[in-house]
Amino acid sequence: MQFFEDGYLPTINTTFSFFGGHAETVEPGWRWPTEHHPAFEIMYIMDGAQRTVTESAEKIIKAGEMMIIPIGMEHTNYCWGNESMTFLPCISILTAQQSNICW
């Protein structure tokens, strides 16, 4: 993309609408069935670690880290390791408008 090569990024006005968020603590061995959403899922790990398997990748995220799962992407989440995990999943509608793009 041209603006990355020139060292410029576009100005992006963004609005997030969150729904369905809740904090939950689960024990080792926990697994959520494979699912997908009509919106982004933002997963924040508060304590412990989570293994997330998607259609194209596998990732371990730890306390203090977050992951954004794209719209419609199938994924399965697991409590990773021998400790409980506390996580905060939120489903989000993202609306973005680009303006003032610097080329």
N, C-alpha and C. Protein backbone atom coordinates (compact mmCIF):
# COMPACT_ATOMS: atom_id res chain seq x y z
N MET A 1 0.83 -1.18 0.00
CA MET A 1 0.00 0.00 0.00
C MET A 1 0.87 1.24 0.00
N GLN A 2 0.54 2.18 -0.81
CA GLN A 2 1.35 3.36 -1.01
C GLN A 2 1.56 4.15 0.28
N PHE A 3 0.50 4.36 1.07
CA PHE A 3 0.69 5.23 2.23
C PHE A 3 1.62 4.62 3.26
N PHE A 4 1.76 3.28 3.34
CA PHE A 4 2.73 2.68 4.24
C PHE A 4 4.15 2.93 3.72
N GLU A 5 4.35 2.80 2.42
CA GLU A 5 5.67 3.02 1.84
C GLU A 5 6.14 4.45 2.04
N ASP A 6 5.22 5.42 2.02
CA ASP A 6 5.59 6.82 2.20
C ASP A 6 5.65 7.22 3.67
N GLY A 7 5.32 6.29 4.57
CA GLY A 7 5.38 6.60 5.99
C GLY A 7 4.13 7.28 6.52
N TYR A 8 3.05 7.29 5.75
CA TYR A 8 1.80 7.92 6.18
C TYR A 8 0.73 6.87 6.41
N LEU A 9 -0.12 7.13 7.36
CA LEU A 9 -1.30 6.31 7.61
C LEU A 9 -2.54 7.16 7.42
N PRO A 10 -3.63 6.57 6.98
CA PRO A 10 -4.86 7.36 6.83
C PRO A 10 -5.47 7.70 8.18
N THR A 11 -6.21 8.77 8.24
CA THR A 11 -7.01 9.07 9.41
C THR A 11 -8.27 8.25 9.31
N ILE A 12 -8.57 7.49 10.34
CA ILE A 12 -9.74 6.63 10.33
C ILE A 12 -10.62 7.00 11.51
N ASN A 13 -11.83 7.41 11.24
CA ASN A 13 -12.81 7.67 12.30
C ASN A 13 -13.57 6.37 12.53
N THR A 14 -13.55 5.89 13.77
CA THR A 14 -14.08 4.58 14.06
C THR A 14 -15.05 4.63 15.23
N THR A 15 -16.08 3.81 15.16
CA THR A 15 -17.02 3.66 16.26
C THR A 15 -17.16 2.17 16.56
N PHE A 16 -17.03 1.80 17.83
CA PHE A 16 -17.26 0.44 18.27
C PHE A 16 -18.57 0.39 19.03
N SER A 17 -19.38 -0.58 18.77
CA SER A 17 -20.57 -0.85 19.56
C SER A 17 -20.41 -2.24 20.14
N PHE A 18 -20.26 -2.33 21.45
CA PHE A 18 -20.06 -3.62 22.11
C PHE A 18 -21.39 -4.19 22.58
N PHE A 19 -21.53 -5.50 22.48
CA PHE A 19 -22.67 -6.17 23.07
C PHE A 19 -22.27 -7.59 23.42
N GLY A 20 -22.91 -8.17 24.39
CA GLY A 20 -22.65 -9.56 24.74
C GLY A 20 -21.39 -9.77 25.56
N GLY A 21 -20.80 -8.74 26.15
CA GLY A 21 -19.59 -8.91 26.93
C GLY A 21 -19.87 -9.40 28.33
N HIS A 22 -19.01 -10.24 28.85
CA HIS A 22 -19.12 -10.71 30.22
C HIS A 22 -17.78 -11.29 30.65
N ALA A 23 -17.42 -11.16 31.91
CA ALA A 23 -16.20 -11.77 32.44
C ALA A 23 -16.57 -13.15 32.97
N GLU A 24 -15.68 -14.10 32.74
CA GLU A 24 -15.96 -15.47 33.17
C GLU A 24 -14.65 -16.15 33.56
N THR A 25 -14.69 -16.98 34.59
CA THR A 25 -13.54 -17.78 35.00
C THR A 25 -13.86 -19.24 34.73
N VAL A 26 -12.93 -19.92 34.08
CA VAL A 26 -13.11 -21.33 33.74
C VAL A 26 -11.90 -22.13 34.23
N GLU A 27 -12.09 -23.42 34.38
CA GLU A 27 -11.05 -24.30 34.91
C GLU A 27 -10.25 -24.96 33.79
N PRO A 28 -9.07 -25.50 34.12
CA PRO A 28 -8.28 -26.23 33.11
C PRO A 28 -9.13 -27.31 32.45
N GLY A 29 -8.95 -27.48 31.17
CA GLY A 29 -9.72 -28.46 30.42
C GLY A 29 -10.99 -27.89 29.78
N TRP A 30 -11.34 -26.64 30.14
CA TRP A 30 -12.53 -26.00 29.56
C TRP A 30 -12.33 -25.80 28.07
N ARG A 31 -13.41 -25.98 27.32
CA ARG A 31 -13.41 -25.77 25.87
C ARG A 31 -14.78 -25.25 25.48
N TRP A 32 -14.80 -24.23 24.61
CA TRP A 32 -16.06 -23.73 24.07
C TRP A 32 -16.23 -24.31 22.67
N PRO A 33 -17.43 -24.77 22.32
CA PRO A 33 -17.64 -25.36 21.00
C PRO A 33 -17.29 -24.38 19.87
N THR A 34 -16.95 -24.94 18.72
CA THR A 34 -16.64 -24.13 17.55
C THR A 34 -17.83 -23.24 17.22
N GLU A 35 -17.54 -21.96 16.96
CA GLU A 35 -18.60 -20.99 16.68
C GLU A 35 -18.09 -19.93 15.72
N HIS A 36 -18.98 -19.08 15.26
CA HIS A 36 -18.64 -17.89 14.49
C HIS A 36 -19.71 -16.84 14.77
N HIS A 37 -19.40 -15.57 14.48
CA HIS A 37 -20.29 -14.47 14.82
C HIS A 37 -20.48 -13.54 13.62
N PRO A 38 -21.60 -12.82 13.59
CA PRO A 38 -21.83 -11.84 12.52
C PRO A 38 -21.16 -10.50 12.83
N ALA A 39 -20.24 -10.50 13.80
CA ALA A 39 -19.52 -9.30 14.21
C ALA A 39 -18.13 -9.73 14.70
N PHE A 40 -17.25 -8.75 14.96
CA PHE A 40 -15.94 -9.06 15.52
C PHE A 40 -16.12 -9.59 16.94
N GLU A 41 -15.23 -10.50 17.35
CA GLU A 41 -15.16 -10.88 18.77
C GLU A 41 -13.82 -10.39 19.29
N ILE A 42 -13.88 -9.63 20.35
CA ILE A 42 -12.67 -9.14 21.01
C ILE A 42 -12.52 -9.95 22.29
N MET A 43 -11.42 -10.67 22.40
CA MET A 43 -11.18 -11.56 23.53
C MET A 43 -10.02 -10.99 24.34
N TYR A 44 -10.28 -10.63 25.61
CA TYR A 44 -9.23 -10.11 26.49
C TYR A 44 -9.03 -11.11 27.62
N ILE A 45 -7.79 -11.53 27.84
CA ILE A 45 -7.47 -12.49 28.89
C ILE A 45 -7.03 -11.73 30.13
N MET A 46 -7.79 -11.91 31.21
CA MET A 46 -7.51 -11.21 32.46
C MET A 46 -6.54 -11.99 33.35
N ASP A 47 -6.63 -13.34 33.30
CA ASP A 47 -5.77 -14.19 34.13
C ASP A 47 -5.67 -15.55 33.45
N GLY A 48 -4.49 -16.15 33.51
CA GLY A 48 -4.30 -17.45 32.88
C GLY A 48 -3.95 -17.32 31.41
N ALA A 49 -4.32 -18.33 30.62
CA ALA A 49 -3.99 -18.33 29.19
C ALA A 49 -5.08 -19.06 28.42
N GLN A 50 -5.25 -18.64 27.17
CA GLN A 50 -6.26 -19.24 26.29
C GLN A 50 -5.61 -19.68 24.99
N ARG A 51 -6.02 -20.83 24.52
CA ARG A 51 -5.62 -21.31 23.19
C ARG A 51 -6.83 -21.10 22.29
N THR A 52 -6.64 -20.40 21.19
CA THR A 52 -7.69 -20.18 20.22
C THR A 52 -7.27 -20.80 18.90
N VAL A 53 -8.14 -21.62 18.34
CA VAL A 53 -7.89 -22.27 17.05
C VAL A 53 -8.92 -21.72 16.07
N THR A 54 -8.44 -21.14 14.96
CA THR A 54 -9.31 -20.61 13.92
C THR A 54 -9.15 -21.45 12.66
N GLU A 55 -9.83 -21.03 11.61
CA GLU A 55 -9.73 -21.71 10.33
C GLU A 55 -8.31 -21.71 9.78
N SER A 56 -7.53 -20.68 10.15
CA SER A 56 -6.23 -20.51 9.52
C SER A 56 -5.05 -20.46 10.48
N ALA A 57 -5.29 -20.47 11.79
CA ALA A 57 -4.17 -20.32 12.72
C ALA A 57 -4.52 -20.85 14.10
N GLU A 58 -3.50 -20.95 14.91
CA GLU A 58 -3.65 -21.31 16.32
C GLU A 58 -2.81 -20.34 17.12
N LYS A 59 -3.35 -19.82 18.21
CA LYS A 59 -2.65 -18.79 18.99
C LYS A 59 -2.91 -19.00 20.47
N ILE A 60 -1.87 -18.80 21.28
CA ILE A 60 -2.00 -18.79 22.73
C ILE A 60 -1.94 -17.33 23.16
N ILE A 61 -2.95 -16.86 23.88
CA ILE A 61 -2.92 -15.50 24.41
C ILE A 61 -2.96 -15.60 25.93
N LYS A 62 -2.17 -14.74 26.57
CA LYS A 62 -1.97 -14.79 28.02
C LYS A 62 -2.55 -13.56 28.70
N ALA A 63 -2.55 -13.57 30.02
CA ALA A 63 -3.09 -12.47 30.81
C ALA A 63 -2.52 -11.13 30.32
N GLY A 64 -3.42 -10.16 30.11
CA GLY A 64 -3.01 -8.85 29.64
C GLY A 64 -2.98 -8.72 28.13
N GLU A 65 -3.24 -9.80 27.41
CA GLU A 65 -3.24 -9.77 25.95
C GLU A 65 -4.67 -9.89 25.43
N MET A 66 -4.86 -9.44 24.19
CA MET A 66 -6.18 -9.57 23.58
C MET A 66 -6.05 -10.05 22.15
N MET A 67 -7.16 -10.52 21.62
CA MET A 67 -7.23 -11.02 20.26
C MET A 67 -8.51 -10.50 19.64
N ILE A 68 -8.47 -10.16 18.37
CA ILE A 68 -9.68 -9.78 17.64
C ILE A 68 -9.92 -10.88 16.60
N ILE A 69 -11.08 -11.52 16.70
CA ILE A 69 -11.45 -12.58 15.78
C ILE A 69 -12.36 -11.97 14.72
N PRO A 70 -11.99 -12.06 13.44
CA PRO A 70 -12.76 -11.42 12.38
C PRO A 70 -14.19 -11.94 12.25
N ILE A 71 -15.01 -11.14 11.62
CA ILE A 71 -16.40 -11.48 11.37
C ILE A 71 -16.49 -12.80 10.60
N GLY A 72 -17.33 -13.71 11.09
CA GLY A 72 -17.60 -14.96 10.39
C GLY A 72 -16.54 -16.03 10.51
N MET A 73 -15.41 -15.78 11.17
CA MET A 73 -14.34 -16.77 11.26
C MET A 73 -14.67 -17.82 12.32
N GLU A 74 -14.69 -19.08 11.90
CA GLU A 74 -14.91 -20.16 12.86
C GLU A 74 -13.73 -20.24 13.81
N HIS A 75 -14.03 -20.44 15.10
CA HIS A 75 -12.98 -20.52 16.11
C HIS A 75 -13.45 -21.36 17.29
N THR A 76 -12.48 -21.92 17.98
CA THR A 76 -12.72 -22.68 19.20
C THR A 76 -11.74 -22.17 20.24
N ASN A 77 -12.23 -21.96 21.47
CA ASN A 77 -11.39 -21.45 22.55
C ASN A 77 -11.23 -22.50 23.64
N TYR A 78 -10.03 -22.56 24.22
CA TYR A 78 -9.69 -23.52 25.26
C TYR A 78 -8.99 -22.80 26.40
N CYS A 79 -9.20 -23.28 27.64
CA CYS A 79 -8.36 -22.85 28.76
C CYS A 79 -7.04 -23.59 28.58
N TRP A 80 -5.94 -22.86 28.53
CA TRP A 80 -4.63 -23.43 28.22
C TRP A 80 -3.80 -23.55 29.49
N GLY A 81 -3.21 -24.69 29.71
CA GLY A 81 -2.33 -24.88 30.86
C GLY A 81 -3.05 -25.52 32.04
N ASN A 82 -2.40 -25.43 33.20
CA ASN A 82 -2.89 -26.09 34.41
C ASN A 82 -3.55 -25.14 35.39
N GLU A 83 -3.80 -23.90 34.98
CA GLU A 83 -4.43 -22.91 35.85
C GLU A 83 -5.77 -22.49 35.27
N SER A 84 -6.62 -21.95 36.14
CA SER A 84 -7.88 -21.40 35.65
C SER A 84 -7.60 -20.18 34.78
N MET A 85 -8.59 -19.78 34.03
CA MET A 85 -8.46 -18.62 33.14
C MET A 85 -9.67 -17.72 33.35
N THR A 86 -9.42 -16.42 33.44
CA THR A 86 -10.50 -15.44 33.46
C THR A 86 -10.38 -14.62 32.20
N PHE A 87 -11.49 -14.53 31.48
CA PHE A 87 -11.47 -13.84 30.20
C PHE A 87 -12.70 -12.95 30.05
N LEU A 88 -12.58 -12.00 29.15
CA LEU A 88 -13.66 -11.06 28.87
C LEU A 88 -13.89 -11.05 27.36
N PRO A 89 -14.88 -11.81 26.88
CA PRO A 89 -15.20 -11.76 25.45
C PRO A 89 -16.26 -10.70 25.20
N CYS A 90 -16.09 -9.93 24.15
CA CYS A 90 -17.07 -8.92 23.74
C CYS A 90 -17.30 -9.06 22.25
N ILE A 91 -18.53 -8.99 21.84
CA ILE A 91 -18.87 -8.97 20.43
C ILE A 91 -19.00 -7.51 20.04
N SER A 92 -18.46 -7.13 18.90
CA SER A 92 -18.43 -5.72 18.53
C SER A 92 -18.79 -5.50 17.07
N ILE A 93 -19.61 -4.51 16.85
CA ILE A 93 -19.85 -4.01 15.50
C ILE A 93 -18.88 -2.85 15.29
N LEU A 94 -18.14 -2.87 14.24
CA LEU A 94 -17.15 -1.83 13.94
C LEU A 94 -17.63 -1.07 12.73
N THR A 95 -17.77 0.22 12.89
CA THR A 95 -18.13 1.09 11.79
C THR A 95 -16.97 2.04 11.56
N ALA A 96 -16.47 2.10 10.35
CA ALA A 96 -15.32 2.96 10.09
C ALA A 96 -15.57 3.80 8.84
N GLN A 97 -15.08 5.03 8.89
CA GLN A 97 -15.11 5.92 7.75
C GLN A 97 -13.70 6.45 7.57
N GLN A 98 -13.18 6.39 6.37
CA GLN A 98 -11.87 6.96 6.11
C GLN A 98 -12.02 8.40 5.66
N SER A 99 -11.12 9.22 6.15
CA SER A 99 -11.09 10.61 5.69
C SER A 99 -9.67 11.10 5.76
N ASN A 100 -9.37 12.13 5.03
CA ASN A 100 -8.06 12.78 5.05
C ASN A 100 -6.91 11.80 4.80
N ILE A 101 -7.06 10.95 3.80
CA ILE A 101 -5.99 10.00 3.51
C ILE A 101 -4.81 10.76 2.91
N CYS A 102 -3.65 10.51 3.50
CA CYS A 102 -2.41 11.17 3.05
C CYS A 102 -1.68 10.22 2.11
N TRP A 103 -1.47 10.61 0.87
CA TRP A 103 -0.76 9.76 -0.10
C TRP A 103 0.62 10.23 -0.34
